[in-house]
N, C-alpha and C. Protein backbone atom coordinates (compact mmCIF):
# COMPACT_ATOMS: atom_id res chain seq x y z
N MET A 1 11.63 -88.76 -5.19
CA MET A 1 10.67 -88.10 -4.33
C MET A 1 9.62 -87.44 -5.22
N ARG A 2 8.38 -87.54 -4.79
CA ARG A 2 7.30 -86.93 -5.56
C ARG A 2 7.40 -85.41 -5.50
N LYS A 3 6.85 -84.77 -6.53
CA LYS A 3 6.93 -83.32 -6.66
C LYS A 3 6.28 -82.60 -5.46
N SER A 4 5.13 -83.09 -5.00
CA SER A 4 4.46 -82.44 -3.87
C SER A 4 5.29 -82.56 -2.59
N ASN A 5 5.98 -83.68 -2.41
CA ASN A 5 6.84 -83.85 -1.24
C ASN A 5 8.03 -82.89 -1.29
N LYS A 6 8.58 -82.65 -2.49
CA LYS A 6 9.69 -81.71 -2.64
C LYS A 6 9.25 -80.30 -2.24
N ILE A 7 8.06 -79.93 -2.71
CA ILE A 7 7.55 -78.60 -2.38
C ILE A 7 7.38 -78.45 -0.88
N ILE A 8 6.83 -79.46 -0.22
CA ILE A 8 6.65 -79.42 1.23
C ILE A 8 8.00 -79.32 1.93
N CYS A 9 8.99 -80.07 1.45
CA CYS A 9 10.34 -80.01 2.04
C CYS A 9 10.94 -78.61 1.89
N TYR A 10 10.79 -78.00 0.73
CA TYR A 10 11.31 -76.65 0.52
C TYR A 10 10.63 -75.65 1.44
N LEU A 11 9.32 -75.76 1.54
CA LEU A 11 8.59 -74.84 2.42
C LEU A 11 9.00 -75.02 3.88
N ALA A 12 9.13 -76.27 4.30
CA ALA A 12 9.52 -76.54 5.68
C ALA A 12 10.93 -76.02 5.97
N SER A 13 11.86 -76.22 5.03
CA SER A 13 13.21 -75.73 5.25
C SER A 13 13.24 -74.20 5.26
N PHE A 14 12.41 -73.56 4.46
CA PHE A 14 12.32 -72.10 4.47
C PHE A 14 11.86 -71.62 5.84
N LEU A 15 10.85 -72.25 6.40
CA LEU A 15 10.35 -71.86 7.72
C LEU A 15 11.40 -72.10 8.80
N PHE A 16 12.20 -73.15 8.65
CA PHE A 16 13.24 -73.45 9.63
C PHE A 16 14.39 -72.44 9.52
N ILE A 17 14.76 -72.06 8.31
CA ILE A 17 15.87 -71.15 8.11
C ILE A 17 15.50 -69.73 8.55
N PHE A 18 14.27 -69.31 8.35
CA PHE A 18 13.84 -67.96 8.67
C PHE A 18 12.76 -67.95 9.75
N PRO A 19 13.08 -68.43 10.97
CA PRO A 19 12.05 -68.54 11.99
C PRO A 19 11.62 -67.20 12.59
N THR A 20 12.43 -66.14 12.45
CA THR A 20 12.10 -64.88 13.11
C THR A 20 11.38 -63.90 12.20
N LEU A 21 11.07 -64.31 10.99
CA LEU A 21 10.38 -63.39 10.10
C LEU A 21 8.95 -63.18 10.60
N THR A 22 8.64 -61.98 10.98
CA THR A 22 7.30 -61.63 11.42
C THR A 22 6.92 -60.33 10.72
N PRO A 23 5.64 -60.13 10.53
CA PRO A 23 5.26 -58.86 9.90
C PRO A 23 5.67 -57.70 10.79
N ALA A 24 6.25 -56.69 10.19
CA ALA A 24 6.68 -55.52 10.96
C ALA A 24 5.52 -54.54 11.07
N ALA A 25 5.27 -54.09 12.29
CA ALA A 25 4.23 -53.09 12.53
C ALA A 25 4.85 -51.70 12.42
N GLN A 26 4.05 -50.72 12.03
CA GLN A 26 4.56 -49.36 11.88
C GLN A 26 3.97 -48.44 12.95
N PHE A 27 4.84 -47.63 13.54
CA PHE A 27 4.47 -46.70 14.60
C PHE A 27 5.21 -45.39 14.41
N VAL A 28 4.76 -44.35 15.09
CA VAL A 28 5.48 -43.09 15.17
C VAL A 28 5.92 -42.94 16.62
N VAL A 29 7.21 -42.69 16.84
CA VAL A 29 7.74 -42.54 18.19
C VAL A 29 7.38 -41.14 18.68
N THR A 30 6.72 -41.09 19.86
CA THR A 30 6.26 -39.82 20.40
C THR A 30 7.05 -39.36 21.62
N ARG A 31 7.82 -40.27 22.22
CA ARG A 31 8.61 -39.89 23.39
C ARG A 31 9.78 -40.86 23.57
N VAL A 32 10.91 -40.31 23.99
CA VAL A 32 12.08 -41.12 24.32
C VAL A 32 12.33 -40.93 25.81
N TYR A 33 12.23 -42.01 26.59
CA TYR A 33 12.42 -41.92 28.04
C TYR A 33 13.89 -41.95 28.42
N ASP A 34 14.63 -42.90 27.83
CA ASP A 34 16.06 -43.01 28.06
C ASP A 34 16.68 -43.72 26.87
N GLY A 35 17.88 -44.23 27.01
CA GLY A 35 18.58 -44.83 25.88
C GLY A 35 18.01 -46.15 25.39
N ASP A 36 17.06 -46.72 26.14
CA ASP A 36 16.48 -47.98 25.68
C ASP A 36 14.98 -48.12 25.99
N THR A 37 14.27 -47.00 26.05
CA THR A 37 12.82 -47.06 26.24
C THR A 37 12.17 -45.89 25.50
N VAL A 38 11.18 -46.21 24.65
CA VAL A 38 10.47 -45.18 23.90
C VAL A 38 8.97 -45.48 23.90
N LYS A 39 8.19 -44.44 23.67
CA LYS A 39 6.74 -44.60 23.51
C LYS A 39 6.42 -44.37 22.04
N ALA A 40 5.54 -45.21 21.50
CA ALA A 40 5.19 -45.11 20.09
C ALA A 40 3.69 -45.28 19.90
N ASN A 41 3.16 -44.65 18.88
CA ASN A 41 1.73 -44.71 18.56
C ASN A 41 1.52 -45.21 17.14
N SER A 42 0.47 -46.02 16.99
CA SER A 42 -0.02 -46.35 15.66
C SER A 42 -1.43 -45.77 15.59
N LEU A 43 -2.15 -46.07 14.54
CA LEU A 43 -3.52 -45.58 14.45
C LEU A 43 -4.41 -46.16 15.54
N SER A 44 -4.12 -47.38 15.95
CA SER A 44 -5.02 -48.06 16.87
C SER A 44 -4.51 -48.23 18.30
N LYS A 45 -3.21 -48.03 18.54
CA LYS A 45 -2.73 -48.25 19.90
C LYS A 45 -1.46 -47.47 20.21
N GLU A 46 -1.19 -47.38 21.52
CA GLU A 46 0.03 -46.74 22.02
C GLU A 46 0.80 -47.80 22.81
N ILE A 47 2.10 -47.92 22.55
CA ILE A 47 2.89 -48.92 23.26
C ILE A 47 4.21 -48.31 23.74
N THR A 48 4.76 -48.94 24.77
CA THR A 48 6.09 -48.60 25.24
C THR A 48 7.02 -49.68 24.71
N LEU A 49 8.07 -49.25 24.03
CA LEU A 49 9.01 -50.18 23.39
C LEU A 49 10.34 -50.21 24.12
N ARG A 50 10.92 -51.40 24.19
CA ARG A 50 12.28 -51.58 24.68
C ARG A 50 13.03 -52.28 23.59
N PRO A 51 14.07 -51.63 23.01
CA PRO A 51 14.85 -52.31 21.98
C PRO A 51 15.44 -53.61 22.53
N VAL A 52 15.06 -54.72 21.94
CA VAL A 52 15.46 -56.03 22.45
C VAL A 52 16.95 -56.25 22.24
N GLY A 53 17.59 -56.86 23.23
CA GLY A 53 18.99 -57.26 23.10
C GLY A 53 20.01 -56.21 23.45
N ILE A 54 19.57 -54.99 23.84
CA ILE A 54 20.55 -53.96 24.20
C ILE A 54 20.27 -53.43 25.60
N ASP A 55 21.29 -52.84 26.18
CA ASP A 55 21.17 -52.21 27.50
C ASP A 55 21.93 -50.89 27.44
N ALA A 56 21.22 -49.80 27.67
CA ALA A 56 21.82 -48.46 27.65
C ALA A 56 21.84 -47.92 29.08
N PRO A 57 22.71 -46.94 29.37
CA PRO A 57 22.75 -46.35 30.71
C PRO A 57 21.41 -45.72 31.08
N LYS A 58 21.03 -45.86 32.33
CA LYS A 58 19.74 -45.36 32.80
C LYS A 58 19.83 -43.90 33.23
N THR A 59 18.80 -43.13 32.85
CA THR A 59 18.70 -41.75 33.33
C THR A 59 18.10 -41.79 34.72
N SER A 60 18.34 -40.75 35.50
CA SER A 60 17.82 -40.68 36.85
C SER A 60 16.33 -40.39 36.84
N LYS A 61 15.60 -41.00 37.76
CA LYS A 61 14.17 -40.73 37.90
C LYS A 61 13.94 -39.47 38.74
N LYS A 62 14.99 -39.06 39.48
CA LYS A 62 14.89 -37.90 40.36
C LYS A 62 15.44 -36.67 39.66
N LYS A 63 14.79 -35.55 39.91
CA LYS A 63 15.23 -34.29 39.32
C LYS A 63 16.59 -33.90 39.88
N ASN A 64 17.41 -33.26 39.09
CA ASN A 64 18.72 -32.76 39.49
C ASN A 64 19.73 -33.85 39.84
N GLN A 65 19.48 -35.09 39.41
CA GLN A 65 20.47 -36.15 39.57
C GLN A 65 20.84 -36.64 38.17
N PRO A 66 22.13 -36.88 37.93
CA PRO A 66 22.59 -37.13 36.57
C PRO A 66 22.26 -38.51 36.00
N GLY A 67 22.03 -39.51 36.81
CA GLY A 67 21.86 -40.86 36.27
C GLY A 67 23.22 -41.49 36.00
N GLN A 68 23.21 -42.60 35.29
CA GLN A 68 24.47 -43.29 34.98
C GLN A 68 25.26 -42.49 33.95
N PRO A 69 26.60 -42.67 33.96
CA PRO A 69 27.42 -41.98 32.96
C PRO A 69 26.93 -42.28 31.54
N TYR A 70 26.90 -41.29 30.71
CA TYR A 70 26.49 -41.35 29.30
C TYR A 70 24.99 -41.57 29.12
N SER A 71 24.21 -41.53 30.21
CA SER A 71 22.77 -41.78 30.06
C SER A 71 22.09 -40.69 29.23
N ARG A 72 22.46 -39.45 29.45
CA ARG A 72 21.86 -38.35 28.67
C ARG A 72 22.28 -38.42 27.21
N LYS A 73 23.55 -38.76 27.00
CA LYS A 73 24.05 -38.87 25.64
C LYS A 73 23.32 -40.00 24.88
N ALA A 74 23.10 -41.13 25.57
CA ALA A 74 22.38 -42.25 24.95
C ALA A 74 20.93 -41.85 24.65
N ARG A 75 20.28 -41.18 25.59
CA ARG A 75 18.90 -40.73 25.39
C ARG A 75 18.82 -39.73 24.23
N ASP A 76 19.75 -38.79 24.21
CA ASP A 76 19.73 -37.78 23.15
C ASP A 76 19.98 -38.38 21.78
N TYR A 77 20.87 -39.37 21.70
CA TYR A 77 21.15 -40.00 20.42
C TYR A 77 19.94 -40.80 19.94
N LEU A 78 19.31 -41.55 20.85
CA LEU A 78 18.12 -42.30 20.48
C LEU A 78 17.01 -41.33 20.06
N ASN A 79 16.91 -40.21 20.77
CA ASN A 79 15.96 -39.15 20.43
C ASN A 79 16.18 -38.69 18.99
N HIS A 80 17.44 -38.45 18.64
CA HIS A 80 17.82 -38.03 17.28
C HIS A 80 17.43 -39.08 16.24
N LEU A 81 17.60 -40.36 16.60
CA LEU A 81 17.32 -41.44 15.65
C LEU A 81 15.82 -41.64 15.39
N VAL A 82 14.99 -41.56 16.46
CA VAL A 82 13.62 -42.04 16.31
C VAL A 82 12.49 -41.06 16.60
N LEU A 83 12.73 -39.99 17.35
CA LEU A 83 11.62 -39.14 17.78
C LEU A 83 10.88 -38.52 16.60
N ASN A 84 9.56 -38.64 16.62
CA ASN A 84 8.66 -38.13 15.58
C ASN A 84 8.89 -38.75 14.21
N LYS A 85 9.48 -39.93 14.19
CA LYS A 85 9.73 -40.63 12.93
C LYS A 85 8.90 -41.91 12.87
N MET A 86 8.59 -42.31 11.65
CA MET A 86 7.91 -43.57 11.42
C MET A 86 8.92 -44.69 11.62
N VAL A 87 8.59 -45.65 12.48
CA VAL A 87 9.46 -46.78 12.74
C VAL A 87 8.72 -48.07 12.45
N LYS A 88 9.45 -49.08 12.04
CA LYS A 88 8.91 -50.43 11.91
C LYS A 88 9.45 -51.22 13.08
N ILE A 89 8.61 -52.06 13.65
CA ILE A 89 9.08 -52.89 14.76
C ILE A 89 8.78 -54.36 14.50
N GLU A 90 9.70 -55.20 14.97
CA GLU A 90 9.50 -56.64 14.99
C GLU A 90 9.41 -57.02 16.46
N GLU A 91 8.23 -57.45 16.89
CA GLU A 91 7.98 -57.72 18.31
C GLU A 91 8.51 -59.08 18.74
N TYR A 92 9.01 -59.13 19.99
CA TYR A 92 9.50 -60.37 20.58
C TYR A 92 8.98 -60.55 22.00
N GLY A 93 7.72 -60.26 22.23
CA GLY A 93 7.12 -60.46 23.55
C GLY A 93 7.25 -59.22 24.42
N GLN A 94 7.08 -59.42 25.73
CA GLN A 94 7.15 -58.31 26.68
C GLN A 94 8.13 -58.62 27.80
N ASP A 95 8.69 -57.55 28.40
CA ASP A 95 9.55 -57.74 29.56
C ASP A 95 8.71 -57.66 30.83
N HIS A 96 9.36 -57.74 31.99
CA HIS A 96 8.62 -57.76 33.25
C HIS A 96 7.99 -56.40 33.60
N TYR A 97 8.34 -55.32 32.87
CA TYR A 97 7.68 -54.03 33.04
C TYR A 97 6.55 -53.84 32.02
N ARG A 98 6.23 -54.88 31.27
CA ARG A 98 5.18 -54.88 30.25
C ARG A 98 5.51 -53.98 29.05
N ARG A 99 6.81 -53.74 28.83
CA ARG A 99 7.23 -53.03 27.62
C ARG A 99 7.35 -54.06 26.50
N THR A 100 7.04 -53.64 25.30
CA THR A 100 7.16 -54.53 24.15
C THR A 100 8.62 -54.60 23.74
N LEU A 101 9.18 -55.80 23.74
CA LEU A 101 10.56 -56.01 23.29
C LEU A 101 10.52 -56.07 21.76
N ALA A 102 11.38 -55.27 21.12
CA ALA A 102 11.30 -55.19 19.67
C ALA A 102 12.62 -54.78 19.05
N VAL A 103 12.80 -55.20 17.81
CA VAL A 103 13.84 -54.64 16.96
C VAL A 103 13.18 -53.44 16.28
N ILE A 104 13.82 -52.30 16.37
CA ILE A 104 13.25 -51.06 15.85
C ILE A 104 14.04 -50.63 14.61
N TYR A 105 13.31 -50.32 13.55
CA TYR A 105 13.93 -49.86 12.30
C TYR A 105 13.42 -48.48 11.94
N VAL A 106 14.32 -47.60 11.54
CA VAL A 106 13.97 -46.34 10.89
C VAL A 106 14.51 -46.47 9.48
N GLY A 107 13.61 -46.62 8.53
CA GLY A 107 14.05 -46.95 7.17
C GLY A 107 14.74 -48.30 7.19
N ASP A 108 15.97 -48.36 6.69
CA ASP A 108 16.74 -49.60 6.71
C ASP A 108 17.67 -49.70 7.90
N THR A 109 17.68 -48.68 8.77
CA THR A 109 18.60 -48.67 9.90
C THR A 109 18.03 -49.44 11.08
N ASN A 110 18.77 -50.45 11.54
CA ASN A 110 18.41 -51.19 12.74
C ASN A 110 18.87 -50.35 13.93
N VAL A 111 17.93 -49.75 14.64
CA VAL A 111 18.24 -48.84 15.74
C VAL A 111 18.96 -49.58 16.87
N ASN A 112 18.56 -50.81 17.16
CA ASN A 112 19.20 -51.59 18.22
C ASN A 112 20.70 -51.74 17.94
N LEU A 113 21.02 -52.17 16.73
CA LEU A 113 22.44 -52.33 16.36
C LEU A 113 23.16 -50.99 16.33
N ARG A 114 22.48 -49.96 15.86
CA ARG A 114 23.12 -48.64 15.75
C ARG A 114 23.53 -48.10 17.12
N MET A 115 22.69 -48.29 18.14
CA MET A 115 23.03 -47.82 19.48
C MET A 115 24.29 -48.51 20.00
N VAL A 116 24.46 -49.78 19.68
CA VAL A 116 25.67 -50.50 20.09
C VAL A 116 26.86 -50.03 19.25
N GLN A 117 26.63 -49.85 17.95
CA GLN A 117 27.69 -49.42 17.03
C GLN A 117 28.34 -48.12 17.48
N VAL A 118 27.55 -47.17 17.92
CA VAL A 118 28.10 -45.87 18.31
C VAL A 118 28.59 -45.87 19.76
N GLY A 119 28.48 -47.01 20.45
CA GLY A 119 29.02 -47.12 21.80
C GLY A 119 28.13 -46.59 22.90
N LEU A 120 26.84 -46.41 22.63
CA LEU A 120 25.94 -45.87 23.65
C LEU A 120 25.02 -46.93 24.25
N ALA A 121 25.25 -48.18 23.89
CA ALA A 121 24.53 -49.31 24.49
C ALA A 121 25.43 -50.53 24.35
N GLU A 122 25.11 -51.55 25.13
CA GLU A 122 25.85 -52.81 25.03
C GLU A 122 24.85 -53.94 24.89
N ALA A 123 25.34 -55.11 24.55
CA ALA A 123 24.46 -56.27 24.44
C ALA A 123 23.90 -56.59 25.82
N TYR A 124 22.60 -56.86 25.89
CA TYR A 124 21.92 -57.14 27.15
C TYR A 124 22.42 -58.47 27.70
N LYS A 125 22.83 -58.45 28.97
CA LYS A 125 23.39 -59.66 29.59
C LYS A 125 22.49 -60.26 30.66
N GLY A 126 21.35 -59.62 30.90
CA GLY A 126 20.44 -60.08 31.94
C GLY A 126 19.65 -61.30 31.55
N ARG A 127 18.81 -61.72 32.47
CA ARG A 127 17.95 -62.87 32.24
C ARG A 127 16.86 -62.49 31.24
N PRO A 128 16.58 -63.37 30.28
CA PRO A 128 15.54 -63.04 29.31
C PRO A 128 14.17 -62.97 29.98
N ALA A 129 13.30 -62.15 29.42
CA ALA A 129 11.95 -62.00 29.95
C ALA A 129 11.16 -63.29 29.79
N LYS A 130 10.18 -63.47 30.67
CA LYS A 130 9.30 -64.63 30.60
C LYS A 130 8.57 -64.61 29.26
N GLY A 131 8.58 -65.72 28.56
CA GLY A 131 7.92 -65.79 27.27
C GLY A 131 8.75 -65.22 26.14
N PHE A 132 10.03 -64.92 26.42
CA PHE A 132 10.91 -64.34 25.41
C PHE A 132 11.12 -65.32 24.27
N ASN A 133 11.08 -64.82 23.05
CA ASN A 133 11.24 -65.65 21.87
C ASN A 133 12.71 -66.05 21.70
N PRO A 134 13.03 -67.34 21.79
CA PRO A 134 14.43 -67.76 21.67
C PRO A 134 15.04 -67.54 20.29
N ASN A 135 14.24 -67.27 19.28
CA ASN A 135 14.75 -67.05 17.93
C ASN A 135 15.55 -65.77 17.82
N ILE A 136 15.54 -64.94 18.86
CA ILE A 136 16.30 -63.69 18.83
C ILE A 136 17.79 -63.94 19.06
N GLY A 137 18.16 -65.17 19.33
CA GLY A 137 19.55 -65.51 19.62
C GLY A 137 20.55 -64.97 18.61
N MET A 138 20.23 -65.02 17.33
CA MET A 138 21.14 -64.54 16.30
C MET A 138 21.38 -63.04 16.44
N LEU A 139 20.33 -62.28 16.71
CA LEU A 139 20.49 -60.85 16.93
C LEU A 139 21.38 -60.60 18.14
N ASN A 140 21.16 -61.35 19.21
CA ASN A 140 21.95 -61.16 20.42
C ASN A 140 23.43 -61.45 20.16
N ARG A 141 23.73 -62.48 19.39
CA ARG A 141 25.13 -62.78 19.05
C ARG A 141 25.74 -61.63 18.25
N LYS A 142 24.97 -61.06 17.30
CA LYS A 142 25.47 -59.92 16.53
C LYS A 142 25.77 -58.74 17.46
N LEU A 143 24.88 -58.51 18.41
CA LEU A 143 25.07 -57.40 19.34
C LEU A 143 26.31 -57.60 20.20
N VAL A 144 26.54 -58.82 20.69
CA VAL A 144 27.71 -59.11 21.52
C VAL A 144 28.98 -58.89 20.73
N VAL A 145 29.03 -59.42 19.50
CA VAL A 145 30.22 -59.26 18.66
C VAL A 145 30.45 -57.79 18.34
N LEU A 146 29.40 -57.08 18.00
CA LEU A 146 29.51 -55.65 17.70
C LEU A 146 30.00 -54.87 18.92
N ALA A 147 29.48 -55.21 20.10
CA ALA A 147 29.91 -54.53 21.32
C ALA A 147 31.40 -54.78 21.59
N LEU A 148 31.86 -56.00 21.34
CA LEU A 148 33.29 -56.31 21.53
C LEU A 148 34.15 -55.52 20.56
N ILE A 149 33.72 -55.45 19.30
CA ILE A 149 34.48 -54.68 18.30
C ILE A 149 34.55 -53.22 18.72
N CYS A 150 33.43 -52.67 19.15
CA CYS A 150 33.41 -51.25 19.58
C CYS A 150 34.31 -51.05 20.79
N ARG A 151 34.31 -51.98 21.73
CA ARG A 151 35.14 -51.85 22.92
C ARG A 151 36.62 -51.85 22.55
N VAL A 152 37.00 -52.75 21.62
CA VAL A 152 38.40 -52.81 21.18
C VAL A 152 38.80 -51.50 20.50
N ARG A 153 37.88 -50.92 19.76
CA ARG A 153 38.16 -49.65 19.06
C ARG A 153 38.01 -48.44 19.99
N GLY A 154 37.62 -48.67 21.24
CA GLY A 154 37.48 -47.56 22.18
C GLY A 154 36.19 -46.78 22.02
N ILE A 155 35.21 -47.39 21.37
CA ILE A 155 33.90 -46.71 21.17
C ILE A 155 32.89 -47.42 22.06
N ASN A 156 32.88 -47.11 23.33
CA ASN A 156 31.92 -47.76 24.20
C ASN A 156 31.61 -46.92 25.41
N ILE A 157 30.52 -47.26 26.08
CA ILE A 157 30.10 -46.53 27.28
C ILE A 157 30.89 -47.01 28.47
């Protein structure tokens, strides 16, 4: 095989092996709504983020109602992880509420995985959003396995 063909093959295999590599955008989280929705700002825009692949208990929209069990604990823990901190996000499209689906990182910590690790979220089992990037499948499998391990250890919502 010619040298130029080898280089093209290596580049093509690299792109195939790492299909989800996208530039990470940086934001500062300014508000945590619940265990799986936050608002973040960059210099040029404000977005609402939903950590892709996880589902946390929902807080109540009505005053003086508790919401789902552990919803406040999930919100408070996410608040502790990300509020007023610089986060990197890897975007994976939008959900039907027009929130940006993303893997959220604080430093080297994957916030999506961390919420499942501590038992305050589970792997999302619903229908994927329209236009959802199928390359997220590997993350979803990690989340499902992690959620099962946490459930066996008794660390779950």
